[in-house]
Amino acid sequence: MDICPICKGRTIRKKVNYNILGEAIGVFLAEVCQKCGEQFFNKEVSITIERIAKEKGIWSLTDKTRVSKVGNALAVRINKKISEYLELKKGEEIFIQPEGKGKIVMTRVGWVGK
């Protein structure tokens, strides 16, 4: 690949650090666009990235849910896989704030991480 299919810029081959959800997956050879920065991996590297992410439990951490009514409030359920990844516990206090009309951000109160 010499031309970026996204912006038509030129690509160069180089090693890049790859992260998913802030977790280091590894350093891999990629074609990187000099104009837009998009990274392109070959099939073998993509398979390796997917395998490592699955081993770390961070592959496909997405879910579709519905808003429920609980008394006078609304509730959103978080599936088991996501709650386990986040290490959420029943009764734990969190902050929820909108980030525009289409996005909600959840932050733990006093979270220091691992």
Protein backbone atom coordinates (compact mmCIF):
# COMPACT_ATOMS: atom_id res chain seq x y z
CA MET A 1 0.00 0.00 0.00
CA ASP A 2 1.40 3.40 -0.94
CA ILE A 3 -1.76 5.50 -0.97
CA CYS A 4 -4.16 5.90 1.96
CA PRO A 5 -7.66 4.80 0.91
CA ILE A 6 -9.16 7.32 3.35
CA CYS A 7 -7.45 10.62 2.46
CA LYS A 8 -5.25 9.65 -0.52
CA GLY A 9 -2.09 10.61 1.40
CA ARG A 10 1.10 8.56 1.14
CA THR A 11 1.74 5.72 3.56
CA ILE A 12 4.99 4.56 5.10
CA ARG A 13 5.76 1.26 6.78
CA LYS A 14 6.73 1.56 10.44
CA LYS A 15 6.31 -0.07 13.84
CA VAL A 16 3.51 1.34 15.99
CA ASN A 17 2.35 0.84 19.56
CA TYR A 18 -1.22 -0.45 19.53
CA ASN A 19 -3.66 0.03 22.43
CA ILE A 20 -7.30 -0.90 22.98
CA LEU A 21 -9.19 0.85 25.78
CA GLY A 22 -5.90 2.16 27.14
CA GLU A 23 -4.40 -1.35 27.40
CA ALA A 24 -1.15 -2.02 25.53
CA ILE A 25 -1.59 -4.79 22.97
CA GLY A 26 1.91 -4.65 21.48
CA VAL A 27 4.17 -3.12 18.85
CA PHE A 28 3.29 -4.07 15.29
CA LEU A 29 4.38 -3.29 11.74
CA ALA A 30 1.80 -1.13 9.95
CA GLU A 31 1.32 1.10 6.96
CA VAL A 32 0.77 4.58 8.41
CA CYS A 33 -0.63 7.52 6.43
CA GLN A 34 1.64 10.55 6.64
CA LYS A 35 -1.33 12.86 6.09
CA CYS A 36 -4.18 11.57 8.32
CA GLY A 37 -2.25 9.14 10.55
CA GLU A 38 -4.55 6.18 9.86
CA GLN A 39 -2.90 2.81 10.53
CA PHE A 40 -3.33 -0.26 8.34
CA PHE A 41 -2.30 -3.77 9.43
CA ASN A 42 -1.96 -6.89 7.33
CA LYS A 43 -4.16 -9.93 7.99
CA GLU A 44 -1.64 -11.76 10.20
CA VAL A 45 -1.09 -8.71 12.44
CA SER A 46 -4.84 -8.13 12.68
CA ILE A 47 -5.36 -11.75 13.79
CA THR A 48 -2.58 -11.37 16.38
CA ILE A 49 -4.11 -8.12 17.73
CA GLU A 50 -7.52 -9.79 18.01
CA ARG A 51 -6.07 -12.85 19.81
CA ILE A 52 -4.17 -10.72 22.36
CA ALA A 53 -7.21 -8.49 22.98
CA LYS A 54 -9.39 -11.57 23.55
CA GLU A 55 -6.82 -12.98 25.99
CA LYS A 56 -6.89 -9.67 27.90
CA GLY A 57 -10.71 -9.70 27.92
CA ILE A 58 -11.03 -6.41 26.06
CA TRP A 59 -12.24 -7.64 22.67
CA SER A 60 -15.81 -6.60 21.79
CA LEU A 61 -16.64 -4.80 25.03
CA THR A 62 -19.77 -3.30 23.57
CA ASP A 63 -23.38 -4.01 24.29
CA LYS A 64 -26.83 -2.76 23.43
CA THR A 65 -29.21 -2.12 26.31
CA ARG A 66 -32.49 -0.35 27.04
CA VAL A 67 -33.32 2.40 29.47
CA SER A 68 -35.68 1.15 32.21
CA LYS A 69 -37.89 2.99 34.66
CA VAL A 70 -37.25 2.44 38.38
CA GLY A 71 -39.63 4.49 40.51
CA ASN A 72 -39.28 8.09 39.36
CA ALA A 73 -35.78 7.51 37.91
CA LEU A 74 -34.38 5.87 34.80
CA ALA A 75 -31.87 3.02 34.93
CA VAL A 76 -29.31 1.66 32.46
CA ARG A 77 -28.02 -1.89 32.88
CA ILE A 78 -24.36 -2.74 32.29
CA ASN A 79 -23.72 -6.29 31.10
CA LYS A 80 -21.61 -8.76 33.07
CA LYS A 81 -18.61 -8.71 30.70
CA ILE A 82 -18.30 -4.90 30.86
CA SER A 83 -18.94 -4.74 34.62
CA GLU A 84 -16.28 -7.40 35.24
CA TYR A 85 -13.78 -5.57 33.01
CA LEU A 86 -14.49 -2.32 34.91
CA GLU A 87 -14.48 -4.20 38.23
CA LEU A 88 -17.77 -2.52 39.21
CA LYS A 89 -19.37 -3.56 42.47
CA LYS A 90 -22.97 -3.26 43.63
CA GLY A 91 -23.46 -0.05 45.62
CA GLU A 92 -20.32 1.59 44.23
CA GLU A 93 -20.67 5.35 43.73
CA ILE A 94 -20.09 6.80 40.24
CA PHE A 95 -20.44 10.16 38.50
CA ILE A 96 -22.48 10.27 35.29
CA GLN A 97 -22.38 13.28 33.01
CA PRO A 98 -23.44 13.98 29.44
CA GLU A 99 -20.81 14.72 26.84
CA GLY A 100 -23.13 16.27 24.31
CA LYS A 101 -26.60 14.95 23.41
CA GLY A 102 -25.44 11.49 22.24
CA LYS A 103 -22.84 10.40 24.81
CA ILE A 104 -22.77 9.69 28.54
CA VAL A 105 -19.52 9.44 30.48
CA MET A 106 -19.30 7.41 33.67
CA THR A 107 -16.46 8.02 36.15
CA ARG A 108 -15.82 6.24 39.41
CA VAL A 109 -15.74 8.32 42.58
CA GLY A 110 -12.19 8.20 43.97
CA TRP A 111 -10.95 5.73 41.31
CA VAL A 112 -7.18 5.25 41.31
CA GLY A 113 -6.98 2.22 39.01
CA LYS A 114 -4.73 -0.80 39.14
